[in-house]
PDB file of all heavy atoms in Angstrom:
ATOM      1  N   PHE A   1     -24.651 -47.412  46.342  1.00  0.00           N
ATOM      2  CA  PHE A   1     -25.337 -48.325  45.420  1.00  0.00           C
ATOM      3  C   PHE A   1     -24.354 -49.169  44.615  1.00  0.00           C
ATOM      4  O   PHE A   1     -24.723 -50.253  44.148  1.00  0.00           O
ATOM      5  CB  PHE A   1     -26.240 -47.527  44.473  1.00  0.00           C
ATOM      6  CG  PHE A   1     -27.472 -46.965  45.122  1.00  0.00           C
ATOM      7  CD1 PHE A   1     -27.424 -45.784  45.838  1.00  0.00           C
ATOM      8  CD2 PHE A   1     -28.690 -47.629  45.034  1.00  0.00           C
ATOM      9  CE1 PHE A   1     -28.549 -45.254  46.444  1.00  0.00           C
ATOM     10  CE2 PHE A   1     -29.829 -47.118  45.632  1.00  0.00           C
ATOM     11  CZ  PHE A   1     -29.766 -45.921  46.346  1.00  0.00           C
ATOM     12  N   VAL A   2     -23.131 -48.686  44.416  1.00  0.00           N
ATOM     13  CA  VAL A   2     -22.144 -49.466  43.672  1.00  0.00           C
ATOM     14  C   VAL A   2     -21.608 -50.598  44.542  1.00  0.00           C
ATOM     15  O   VAL A   2     -21.552 -51.762  44.118  1.00  0.00           O
ATOM     16  CB  VAL A   2     -20.997 -48.568  43.170  1.00  0.00           C
ATOM     17  CG1 VAL A   2     -19.930 -49.401  42.476  1.00  0.00           C
ATOM     18  CG2 VAL A   2     -21.530 -47.502  42.217  1.00  0.00           C
ATOM     19  N   ALA A   3     -21.197 -50.259  45.764  1.00  0.00           N
ATOM     20  CA  ALA A   3     -20.624 -51.278  46.647  1.00  0.00           C
ATOM     21  C   ALA A   3     -21.632 -52.380  46.965  1.00  0.00           C
ATOM     22  O   ALA A   3     -21.243 -53.524  47.246  1.00  0.00           O
ATOM     23  CB  ALA A   3     -20.130 -50.626  47.936  1.00  0.00           C
ATOM     24  N   ASN A   4     -22.931 -52.073  46.911  1.00  0.00           N
ATOM     25  CA  ASN A   4     -23.966 -53.050  47.271  1.00  0.00           C
ATOM     26  C   ASN A   4     -24.788 -53.487  46.068  1.00  0.00           C
ATOM     27  O   ASN A   4     -25.918 -53.954  46.238  1.00  0.00           O
ATOM     28  CB  ASN A   4     -24.889 -52.439  48.326  1.00  0.00           C
ATOM     29  CG  ASN A   4     -24.182 -52.123  49.630  1.00  0.00           C
ATOM     30  OD1 ASN A   4     -23.881 -53.013  50.419  1.00  0.00           O
ATOM     31  ND2 ASN A   4     -23.886 -50.853  49.863  1.00  0.00           N
ATOM     32  N   TYR A   5     -24.229 -53.364  44.856  1.00  0.00           N
ATOM     33  CA  TYR A   5     -25.088 -53.578  43.688  1.00  0.00           C
ATOM     34  C   TYR A   5     -25.535 -55.023  43.541  1.00  0.00           C
ATOM     35  O   TYR A   5     -26.611 -55.299  42.989  1.00  0.00           O
ATOM     36  CB  TYR A   5     -24.408 -53.058  42.415  1.00  0.00           C
ATOM     37  CG  TYR A   5     -23.414 -53.964  41.735  1.00  0.00           C
ATOM     38  CD1 TYR A   5     -23.724 -54.583  40.529  1.00  0.00           C
ATOM     39  CD2 TYR A   5     -22.145 -54.175  42.276  1.00  0.00           C
ATOM     40  CE1 TYR A   5     -22.793 -55.387  39.877  1.00  0.00           C
ATOM     41  CE2 TYR A   5     -21.225 -54.947  41.634  1.00  0.00           C
ATOM     42  CZ  TYR A   5     -21.537 -55.571  40.431  1.00  0.00           C
ATOM     43  OH  TYR A   5     -20.611 -56.370  39.796  1.00  0.00           O
ATOM     44  N   CYS A   6     -24.750 -55.971  44.025  1.00  0.00           N
ATOM     45  CA  CYS A   6     -25.199 -57.361  43.912  1.00  0.00           C
ATOM     46  C   CYS A   6     -26.111 -57.777  45.060  1.00  0.00           C
ATOM     47  O   CYS A   6     -26.608 -58.896  45.092  1.00  0.00           O
ATOM     48  CB  CYS A   6     -24.002 -58.297  43.807  1.00  0.00           C
ATOM     49  SG  CYS A   6     -23.327 -58.385  42.121  1.00  0.00           S
ATOM     50  N   ALA A   7     -26.356 -56.834  46.004  1.00  0.00           N
ATOM     51  CA  ALA A   7     -27.393 -57.077  47.008  1.00  0.00           C
ATOM     52  C   ALA A   7     -28.765 -56.752  46.432  1.00  0.00           C
ATOM     53  O   ALA A   7     -29.789 -57.083  47.049  1.00  0.00           O
ATOM     54  CB  ALA A   7     -27.131 -56.236  48.253  1.00  0.00           C
ATOM     55  N   ALA A   8     -28.787 -56.117  45.271  1.00  0.00           N
ATOM     56  CA  ALA A   8     -30.054 -55.781  44.604  1.00  0.00           C
ATOM     57  C   ALA A   8     -30.494 -56.925  43.707  1.00  0.00           C
ATOM     58  O   ALA A   8     -29.681 -57.769  43.279  1.00  0.00           O
ATOM     59  CB  ALA A   8     -29.886 -54.513  43.777  1.00  0.00           C
ATOM     60  N   THR A   9     -31.784 -56.950  43.406  1.00  0.00           N
ATOM     61  CA  THR A   9     -32.352 -57.918  42.462  1.00  0.00           C
ATOM     62  C   THR A   9     -32.481 -57.229  41.115  1.00  0.00           C
ATOM     63  O   THR A   9     -33.218 -56.256  40.975  1.00  0.00           O
ATOM     64  CB  THR A   9     -33.733 -58.403  42.943  1.00  0.00           C
ATOM     65  OG1 THR A   9     -33.594 -59.011  44.232  1.00  0.00           O
ATOM     66  CG2 THR A   9     -34.316 -59.402  41.965  1.00  0.00           C
ATOM     67  N   TRP A  10     -31.760 -57.765  40.105  1.00  0.00           N
ATOM     68  CA  TRP A  10     -31.739 -57.149  38.776  1.00  0.00           C
ATOM     69  C   TRP A  10     -32.612 -57.958  37.823  1.00  0.00           C
ATOM     70  O   TRP A  10     -32.542 -59.196  37.790  1.00  0.00           O
ATOM     71  CB  TRP A  10     -30.307 -57.077  38.246  1.00  0.00           C
ATOM     72  CG  TRP A  10     -29.459 -56.128  39.044  1.00  0.00           C
ATOM     73  CD1 TRP A  10     -28.695 -56.424  40.139  1.00  0.00           C
ATOM     74  CD2 TRP A  10     -29.338 -54.723  38.826  1.00  0.00           C
ATOM     75  NE1 TRP A  10     -28.094 -55.298  40.625  1.00  0.00           N
ATOM     76  CE2 TRP A  10     -28.465 -54.232  39.836  1.00  0.00           C
ATOM     77  CE3 TRP A  10     -29.847 -53.826  37.903  1.00  0.00           C
ATOM     78  CZ2 TRP A  10     -28.116 -52.892  39.932  1.00  0.00           C
ATOM     79  CZ3 TRP A  10     -29.496 -52.497  37.998  1.00  0.00           C
ATOM     80  CH2 TRP A  10     -28.638 -52.033  38.995  1.00  0.00           C
ATOM     81  N   GLU A  11     -33.433 -57.235  37.066  1.00  0.00           N
ATOM     82  CA  GLU A  11     -34.385 -57.889  36.159  1.00  0.00           C
ATOM     83  C   GLU A  11     -34.449 -57.123  34.841  1.00  0.00           C
ATOM     84  O   GLU A  11     -34.178 -55.909  34.795  1.00  0.00           O
ATOM     85  CB  GLU A  11     -35.791 -57.932  36.781  1.00  0.00           C
ATOM     86  CG  GLU A  11     -35.879 -58.738  38.062  1.00  0.00           C
ATOM     87  CD  GLU A  11     -37.264 -58.655  38.705  1.00  0.00           C
ATOM     88  OE1 GLU A  11     -37.933 -57.621  38.527  1.00  0.00           O
ATOM     89  OE2 GLU A  11     -37.643 -59.615  39.385  1.00  0.00           O
ATOM     90  N   ASN A  12     -34.809 -57.845  33.770  1.00  0.00           N
ATOM     91  CA  ASN A  12     -35.144 -57.188  32.505  1.00  0.00           C
ATOM     92  C   ASN A  12     -36.654 -57.214  32.345  1.00  0.00           C
ATOM     93  O   ASN A  12     -37.385 -57.305  33.328  1.00  0.00           O
ATOM     94  CB  ASN A  12     -34.402 -57.831  31.334  1.00  0.00           C
ATOM     95  CG  ASN A  12     -34.784 -59.298  31.139  1.00  0.00           C
ATOM     96  OD1 ASN A  12     -35.731 -59.805  31.747  1.00  0.00           O
ATOM     97  ND2 ASN A  12     -34.033 -60.001  30.285  1.00  0.00           N
ATOM     98  N   ASN A  13     -37.150 -57.181  31.130  1.00  0.00           N
ATOM     99  CA  ASN A  13     -38.599 -57.113  30.914  1.00  0.00           C
ATOM    100  C   ASN A  13     -39.338 -58.304  31.497  1.00  0.00           C
ATOM    101  O   ASN A  13     -40.503 -58.177  31.901  1.00  0.00           O
ATOM    102  CB  ASN A  13     -38.895 -57.014  29.423  1.00  0.00           C
ATOM    103  CG  ASN A  13     -38.350 -55.736  28.829  1.00  0.00           C
ATOM    104  OD1 ASN A  13     -37.172 -55.436  28.976  1.00  0.00           O
ATOM    105  ND2 ASN A  13     -39.189 -54.967  28.147  1.00  0.00           N
ATOM    106  N   ASN A  14     -38.681 -59.493  31.548  1.00  0.00           N
ATOM    107  CA  ASN A  14     -39.427 -60.663  32.016  1.00  0.00           C
ATOM    108  C   ASN A  14     -38.583 -61.687  32.765  1.00  0.00           C
ATOM    109  O   ASN A  14     -39.086 -62.752  33.112  1.00  0.00           O
ATOM    110  CB  ASN A  14     -40.108 -61.378  30.831  1.00  0.00           C
ATOM    111  CG  ASN A  14     -39.171 -61.500  29.632  1.00  0.00           C
ATOM    112  OD1 ASN A  14     -37.958 -61.510  29.804  1.00  0.00           O
ATOM    113  ND2 ASN A  14     -39.742 -61.573  28.442  1.00  0.00           N
ATOM    114  N   ASN A  15     -37.318 -61.407  33.015  1.00  0.00           N
ATOM    115  CA  ASN A  15     -36.466 -62.398  33.667  1.00  0.00           C
ATOM    116  C   ASN A  15     -35.562 -61.732  34.698  1.00  0.00           C
ATOM    117  O   ASN A  15     -35.253 -60.530  34.616  1.00  0.00           O
ATOM    118  CB  ASN A  15     -35.585 -63.141  32.648  1.00  0.00           C
ATOM    119  CG  ASN A  15     -36.398 -64.037  31.728  1.00  0.00           C
ATOM    120  OD1 ASN A  15     -37.197 -64.841  32.196  1.00  0.00           O
ATOM    121  ND2 ASN A  15     -36.208 -63.887  30.428  1.00  0.00           N
ATOM    122  N   THR A  16     -35.111 -62.555  35.661  1.00  0.00           N
ATOM    123  CA  THR A  16     -34.108 -62.115  36.620  1.00  0.00           C
ATOM    124  C   THR A  16     -32.732 -62.261  35.981  1.00  0.00           C
ATOM    125  O   THR A  16     -32.446 -63.256  35.312  1.00  0.00           O
ATOM    126  CB  THR A  16     -34.194 -62.940  37.908  1.00  0.00           C
ATOM    127  OG1 THR A  16     -35.503 -62.787  38.466  1.00  0.00           O
ATOM    128  CG2 THR A  16     -33.160 -62.492  38.918  1.00  0.00           C
ATOM    129  N   LEU A  17     -31.882 -61.289  36.210  1.00  0.00           N
ATOM    130  CA  LEU A  17     -30.553 -61.270  35.618  1.00  0.00           C
ATOM    131  C   LEU A  17     -29.503 -61.605  36.663  1.00  0.00           C
ATOM    132  O   LEU A  17     -29.671 -61.297  37.850  1.00  0.00           O
ATOM    133  CB  LEU A  17     -30.253 -59.895  35.017  1.00  0.00           C
ATOM    134  CG  LEU A  17     -31.198 -59.426  33.908  1.00  0.00           C
ATOM    135  CD1 LEU A  17     -30.875 -57.979  33.515  1.00  0.00           C
ATOM    136  CD2 LEU A  17     -31.083 -60.330  32.697  1.00  0.00           C
ATOM    137  N   PRO A  18     -28.402 -62.229  36.241  1.00  0.00           N
ATOM    138  CA  PRO A  18     -27.335 -62.538  37.195  1.00  0.00           C
ATOM    139  C   PRO A  18     -26.583 -61.265  37.591  1.00  0.00           C
ATOM    140  O   PRO A  18     -26.594 -60.270  36.882  1.00  0.00           O
ATOM    141  CB  PRO A  18     -26.423 -63.490  36.405  1.00  0.00           C
ATOM    142  CG  PRO A  18     -26.643 -63.109  34.977  1.00  0.00           C
ATOM    143  CD  PRO A  18     -28.086 -62.712  34.879  1.00  0.00           C
ATOM    144  N   CYS A  19     -25.945 -61.314  38.749  1.00  0.00           N
ATOM    145  CA  CYS A  19     -25.111 -60.196  39.209  1.00  0.00           C
ATOM    146  C   CYS A  19     -23.815 -60.770  39.788  1.00  0.00           C
ATOM    147  O   CYS A  19     -23.867 -61.604  40.697  1.00  0.00           O
ATOM    148  CB  CYS A  19     -25.845 -59.380  40.263  1.00  0.00           C
ATOM    149  SG  CYS A  19     -24.917 -57.914  40.787  1.00  0.00           S
ATOM    150  N   PRO A  20     -22.672 -60.339  39.264  1.00  0.00           N
ATOM    151  CA  PRO A  20     -22.545 -59.425  38.125  1.00  0.00           C
ATOM    152  C   PRO A  20     -22.958 -60.091  36.834  1.00  0.00           C
ATOM    153  O   PRO A  20     -22.942 -61.323  36.715  1.00  0.00           O
ATOM    154  CB  PRO A  20     -21.061 -59.070  38.145  1.00  0.00           C
ATOM    155  CG  PRO A  20     -20.388 -60.242  38.783  1.00  0.00           C
ATOM    156  CD  PRO A  20     -21.337 -60.759  39.804  1.00  0.00           C
ATOM    157  N   GLY A  21     -23.323 -59.243  35.859  1.00  0.00           N
ATOM    158  CA  GLY A  21     -23.732 -59.764  34.574  1.00  0.00           C
ATOM    159  C   GLY A  21     -22.547 -60.005  33.656  1.00  0.00           C
ATOM    160  O   GLY A  21     -21.387 -59.834  34.038  1.00  0.00           O
ATOM    161  N   VAL A  22     -22.868 -60.397  32.436  1.00  0.00           N
ATOM    162  CA  VAL A  22     -21.856 -60.652  31.405  1.00  0.00           C
ATOM    163  C   VAL A  22     -21.997 -59.565  30.354  1.00  0.00           C
ATOM    164  O   VAL A  22     -23.080 -59.377  29.788  1.00  0.00           O
ATOM    165  CB  VAL A  22     -22.039 -62.047  30.786  1.00  0.00           C
ATOM    166  CG1 VAL A  22     -21.005 -62.278  29.688  1.00  0.00           C
ATOM    167  CG2 VAL A  22     -21.935 -63.130  31.847  1.00  0.00           C
ATOM    168  N   GLU A  23     -20.915 -58.855  30.103  1.00  0.00           N
ATOM    169  CA  GLU A  23     -20.967 -57.764  29.133  1.00  0.00           C
ATOM    170  C   GLU A  23     -21.378 -58.273  27.762  1.00  0.00           C
ATOM    171  O   GLU A  23     -21.000 -59.372  27.347  1.00  0.00           O
ATOM    172  CB  GLU A  23     -19.602 -57.061  29.063  1.00  0.00           C
ATOM    173  CG  GLU A  23     -19.653 -55.726  28.355  1.00  0.00           C
ATOM    174  CD  GLU A  23     -18.408 -54.894  28.595  1.00  0.00           C
ATOM    175  OE1 GLU A  23     -17.583 -55.274  29.456  1.00  0.00           O
ATOM    176  OE2 GLU A  23     -18.275 -53.852  27.930  1.00  0.00           O
ATOM    177  N   ASP A  24     -22.167 -57.458  27.058  1.00  0.00           N
ATOM    178  CA  ASP A  24     -22.704 -57.744  25.725  1.00  0.00           C
ATOM    179  C   ASP A  24     -23.802 -58.800  25.743  1.00  0.00           C
ATOM    180  O   ASP A  24     -24.165 -59.337  24.693  1.00  0.00           O
ATOM    181  CB  ASP A  24     -21.596 -58.181  24.743  1.00  0.00           C
ATOM    182  CG  ASP A  24     -20.567 -57.089  24.519  1.00  0.00           C
ATOM    183  OD1 ASP A  24     -20.951 -55.893  24.580  1.00  0.00           O
ATOM    184  OD2 ASP A  24     -19.380 -57.398  24.315  1.00  0.00           O
ATOM    185  N   ASP A  25     -24.357 -59.103  26.918  1.00  0.00           N
ATOM    186  CA  ASP A  25     -25.489 -60.019  26.994  1.00  0.00           C
ATOM    187  C   ASP A  25     -26.739 -59.286  26.506  1.00  0.00           C
ATOM    188  O   ASP A  25     -27.131 -58.262  27.073  1.00  0.00           O
ATOM    189  CB  ASP A  25     -25.668 -60.492  28.436  1.00  0.00           C
ATOM    190  CG  ASP A  25     -26.746 -61.560  28.573  1.00  0.00           C
ATOM    191  OD1 ASP A  25     -27.477 -61.818  27.583  1.00  0.00           O
ATOM    192  OD2 ASP A  25     -26.867 -62.125  29.680  1.00  0.00           O
ATOM    193  N   ASP A  26     -27.367 -59.794  25.452  1.00  0.00           N
ATOM    194  CA  ASP A  26     -28.554 -59.138  24.892  1.00  0.00           C
ATOM    195  C   ASP A  26     -29.746 -59.155  25.832  1.00  0.00           C
ATOM    196  O   ASP A  26     -30.715 -58.413  25.620  1.00  0.00           O
ATOM    197  CB  ASP A  26     -28.942 -59.803  23.562  1.00  0.00           C
ATOM    198  CG  ASP A  26     -28.026 -59.396  22.421  1.00  0.00           C
ATOM    199  OD1 ASP A  26     -27.324 -58.385  22.580  1.00  0.00           O
ATOM    200  OD2 ASP A  26     -28.009 -60.093  21.393  1.00  0.00           O
ATOM    201  N   GLU A  27     -29.702 -59.989  26.860  1.00  0.00           N
ATOM    202  CA  GLU A  27     -30.779 -59.990  27.844  1.00  0.00           C
ATOM    203  C   GLU A  27     -30.669 -58.807  28.801  1.00  0.00           C
ATOM    204  O   GLU A  27     -31.589 -58.525  29.561  1.00  0.00           O
ATOM    205  CB  GLU A  27     -30.774 -61.298  28.639  1.00  0.00           C
ATOM    206  CG  GLU A  27     -31.190 -62.511  27.835  1.00  0.00           C
ATOM    207  CD  GLU A  27     -32.616 -62.382  27.351  1.00  0.00           C
ATOM    208  OE1 GLU A  27     -33.528 -62.163  28.178  1.00  0.00           O
ATOM    209  OE2 GLU A  27     -32.832 -62.486  26.121  1.00  0.00           O
ATOM    210  N   GLY A  28     -29.531 -58.127  28.748  1.00  0.00           N
ATOM    211  CA  GLY A  28     -29.271 -57.021  29.666  1.00  0.00           C
ATOM    212  C   GLY A  28     -28.258 -57.441  30.704  1.00  0.00           C
ATOM    213  O   GLY A  28     -28.129 -58.630  31.023  1.00  0.00           O
ATOM    214  N   PHE A  29     -27.530 -56.484  31.242  1.00  0.00           N
ATOM    215  CA  PHE A  29     -26.518 -56.818  32.243  1.00  0.00           C
ATOM    216  C   PHE A  29     -26.186 -55.584  33.080  1.00  0.00           C
ATOM    217  O   PHE A  29     -26.447 -54.440  32.696  1.00  0.00           O
ATOM    218  CB  PHE A  29     -25.242 -57.362  31.579  1.00  0.00           C
ATOM    219  CG  PHE A  29     -24.547 -56.374  30.679  1.00  0.00           C
ATOM    220  CD1 PHE A  29     -23.585 -55.495  31.178  1.00  0.00           C
ATOM    221  CD2 PHE A  29     -24.839 -56.331  29.319  1.00  0.00           C
ATOM    222  CE1 PHE A  29     -22.944 -54.595  30.340  1.00  0.00           C
ATOM    223  CE2 PHE A  29     -24.197 -55.437  28.482  1.00  0.00           C
ATOM    224  CZ  PHE A  29     -23.250 -54.554  28.999  1.00  0.00           C
ATOM    225  N   VAL A  30     -25.586 -55.854  34.255  1.00  0.00           N
ATOM    226  CA  VAL A  30     -25.059 -54.809  35.122  1.00  0.00           C
ATOM    227  C   VAL A  30     -23.695 -55.268  35.621  1.00  0.00           C
ATOM    228  O   VAL A  30     -23.531 -56.418  36.051  1.00  0.00           O
ATOM    229  CB  VAL A  30     -26.000 -54.508  36.308  1.00  0.00           C
ATOM    230  CG1 VAL A  30     -26.305 -55.762  37.112  1.00  0.00           C
ATOM    231  CG2 VAL A  30     -25.398 -53.425  37.196  1.00  0.00           C
ATOM    232  N   ILE A  31     -22.699 -54.388  35.510  1.00  0.00           N
ATOM    233  CA  ILE A  31     -21.364 -54.680  36.018  1.00  0.00           C
ATOM    234  C   ILE A  31     -20.793 -53.410  36.648  1.00  0.00           C
ATOM    235  O   ILE A  31     -21.208 -52.293  36.326  1.00  0.00           O
ATOM    236  CB  ILE A  31     -20.406 -55.195  34.917  1.00  0.00           C
ATOM    237  CG1 ILE A  31     -20.293 -54.168  33.790  1.00  0.00           C
ATOM    238  CG2 ILE A  31     -20.851 -56.547  34.391  1.00  0.00           C
ATOM    239  CD1 ILE A  31     -19.253 -54.565  32.738  1.00  0.00           C
ATOM    240  N   GLN A  32     -19.852 -53.615  37.555  1.00  0.00           N
ATOM    241  CA  GLN A  32     -19.174 -52.484  38.178  1.00  0.00           C
ATOM    242  C   GLN A  32     -17.934 -52.133  37.375  1.00  0.00           C
ATOM    243  O   GLN A  32     -17.181 -53.013  36.948  1.00  0.00           O
ATOM    244  CB  GLN A  32     -18.775 -52.821  39.613  1.00  0.00           C
ATOM    245  CG  GLN A  32     -17.984 -51.708  40.304  1.00  0.00           C
ATOM    246  CD  GLN A  32     -17.598 -52.050  41.721  1.00  0.00           C
ATOM    247  OE1 GLN A  32     -18.223 -52.913  42.339  1.00  0.00           O
ATOM    248  NE2 GLN A  32     -16.567 -51.388  42.246  1.00  0.00           N
ATOM    249  N   LEU A  33     -17.740 -50.816  37.158  1.00  0.00           N
ATOM    250  CA  LEU A  33     -16.552 -50.327  36.470  1.00  0.00           C
ATOM    251  C   LEU A  33     -15.828 -49.347  37.390  1.00  0.00           C
ATOM    252  O   LEU A  33     -16.439 -48.405  37.901  1.00  0.00           O
ATOM    253  CB  LEU A  33     -16.915 -49.617  35.163  1.00  0.00           C
ATOM    254  CG  LEU A  33     -17.558 -50.463  34.058  1.00  0.00           C
ATOM    255  CD1 LEU A  33     -17.873 -49.580  32.854  1.00  0.00           C
ATOM    256  CD2 LEU A  33     -16.654 -51.609  33.648  1.00  0.00           C
ATOM    257  N   ASN A  34     -14.546 -49.568  37.592  1.00  0.00           N
ATOM    258  CA  ASN A  34     -13.728 -48.631  38.349  1.00  0.00           C
ATOM    259  C   ASN A  34     -13.158 -47.590  37.386  1.00  0.00           C
ATOM    260  O   ASN A  34     -12.601 -47.944  36.349  1.00  0.00           O
ATOM    261  CB  ASN A  34     -12.597 -49.359  39.068  1.00  0.00           C
ATOM    262  CG  ASN A  34     -13.117 -50.327  40.112  1.00  0.00           C
ATOM    263  OD1 ASN A  34     -14.071 -50.027  40.833  1.00  0.00           O
ATOM    264  ND2 ASN A  34     -12.514 -51.510  40.189  1.00  0.00           N
ATOM    265  N   SER A  35     -13.317 -46.324  37.709  1.00  0.00           N
ATOM    266  CA  SER A  35     -12.891 -45.217  36.845  1.00  0.00           C
ATOM    267  C   SER A  35     -13.438 -45.386  35.427  1.00  0.00           C
ATOM    268  O   SER A  35     -12.681 -45.455  34.454  1.00  0.00           O
ATOM    269  CB  SER A  35     -11.365 -45.107  36.820  1.00  0.00           C
ATOM    270  OG  SER A  35     -10.850 -44.892  38.107  1.00  0.00           O
ATOM    271  N   PRO A  36     -14.748 -45.473  35.277  1.00  0.00           N
ATOM    272  CA  PRO A  36     -15.325 -45.661  33.935  1.00  0.00           C
ATOM    273  C   PRO A  36     -15.073 -44.449  33.050  1.00  0.00           C
ATOM    274  O   PRO A  36     -14.947 -43.321  33.525  1.00  0.00           O
ATOM    275  CB  PRO A  36     -16.814 -45.844  34.216  1.00  0.00           C
ATOM    276  CG  PRO A  36     -17.042 -45.145  35.518  1.00  0.00           C
ATOM    277  CD  PRO A  36     -15.799 -45.334  36.307  1.00  0.00           C
ATOM    278  N   LYS A  37     -15.011 -44.677  31.743  1.00  0.00           N
ATOM    279  CA  LYS A  37     -14.781 -43.612  30.773  1.00  0.00           C
ATOM    280  C   LYS A  37     -16.130 -43.098  30.295  1.00  0.00           C
ATOM    281  O   LYS A  37     -16.931 -43.829  29.711  1.00  0.00           O
ATOM    282  CB  LYS A  37     -13.951 -44.141  29.599  1.00  0.00           C
ATOM    283  CG  LYS A  37     -13.252 -43.054  28.796  1.00  0.00           C
ATOM    284  CD  LYS A  37     -12.272 -43.666  27.807  1.00  0.00           C
ATOM    285  CE  LYS A  37     -11.469 -42.588  27.086  1.00  0.00           C
ATOM    286  NZ  LYS A  37     -10.510 -43.186  26.107  1.00  0.00           N
ATOM    287  N   MET A  38     -16.371 -41.817  30.559  1.00  0.00           N
ATOM    288  CA  MET A  38     -17.654 -41.215  30.212  1.00  0.00           C
ATOM    289  C   MET A  38     -17.665 -40.800  28.748  1.00  0.00           C
ATOM    290  O   MET A  38     -16.645 -40.854  28.053  1.00  0.00           O
ATOM    291  CB  MET A  38     -17.924 -40.027  31.135  1.00  0.00           C
ATOM    292  CG  MET A  38     -17.995 -40.425  32.599  1.00  0.00           C
ATOM    293  SD  MET A  38     -18.256 -39.017  33.712  1.00  0.00           S
ATOM    294  CE  MET A  38     -16.684 -38.167  33.557  1.00  0.00           C
ATOM    295  N   GLU A  39     -18.828 -40.362  28.271  1.00  0.00           N
ATOM    296  CA  GLU A  39     -18.981 -40.109  26.843  1.00  0.00           C
ATOM    297  C   GLU A  39     -18.170 -38.919  26.344  1.00  0.00           C
ATOM    298  O   GLU A  39     -17.969 -38.773  25.147  1.00  0.00           O
ATOM    299  CB  GLU A  39     -20.450 -39.927  26.476  1.00  0.00           C
ATOM    300  CG  GLU A  39     -21.157 -38.764  27.140  1.00  0.00           C
ATOM    301  CD  GLU A  39     -22.630 -38.710  26.753  1.00  0.00           C
ATOM    302  OE1 GLU A  39     -23.434 -39.457  27.347  1.00  0.00           O
ATOM    303  OE2 GLU A  39     -22.963 -37.930  25.859  1.00  0.00           O
ATOM    304  N   ASN A  40     -17.703 -38.066  27.271  1.00  0.00           N
ATOM    305  CA  ASN A  40     -16.834 -36.968  26.845  1.00  0.00           C
ATOM    306  C   ASN A  40     -15.374 -37.393  26.774  1.00  0.00           C
ATOM    307  O   ASN A  40     -14.503 -36.576  26.487  1.00  0.00           O
ATOM    308  CB  ASN A  40     -16.991 -35.768  27.779  1.00  0.00           C
ATOM    309  CG  ASN A  40     -16.507 -36.061  29.183  1.00  0.00           C
ATOM    310  OD1 ASN A  40     -16.330 -37.217  29.559  1.00  0.00           O
ATOM    311  ND2 ASN A  40     -16.306 -35.025  29.972  1.00  0.00           N
ATOM    312  N   GLY A  41     -15.102 -38.666  27.057  1.00  0.00           N
ATOM    313  CA  GLY A  41     -13.744 -39.186  26.966  1.00  0.00           C
ATOM    314  C   GLY A  41     -12.977 -39.133  28.265  1.00  0.00           C
ATOM    315  O   GLY A  41     -11.879 -39.688  28.359  1.00  0.00           O
TER     316      GLY A  41
END
């Protein structure tokens, strides 16, 4: 699902979202992170 995430259609409550998205977009966003830092650090 990560490698093909931009093959998916991403939407919020009423609009289609771009892929990849823009971080901190209040409309919602999706981006790929390599080695993301989880909440336990």
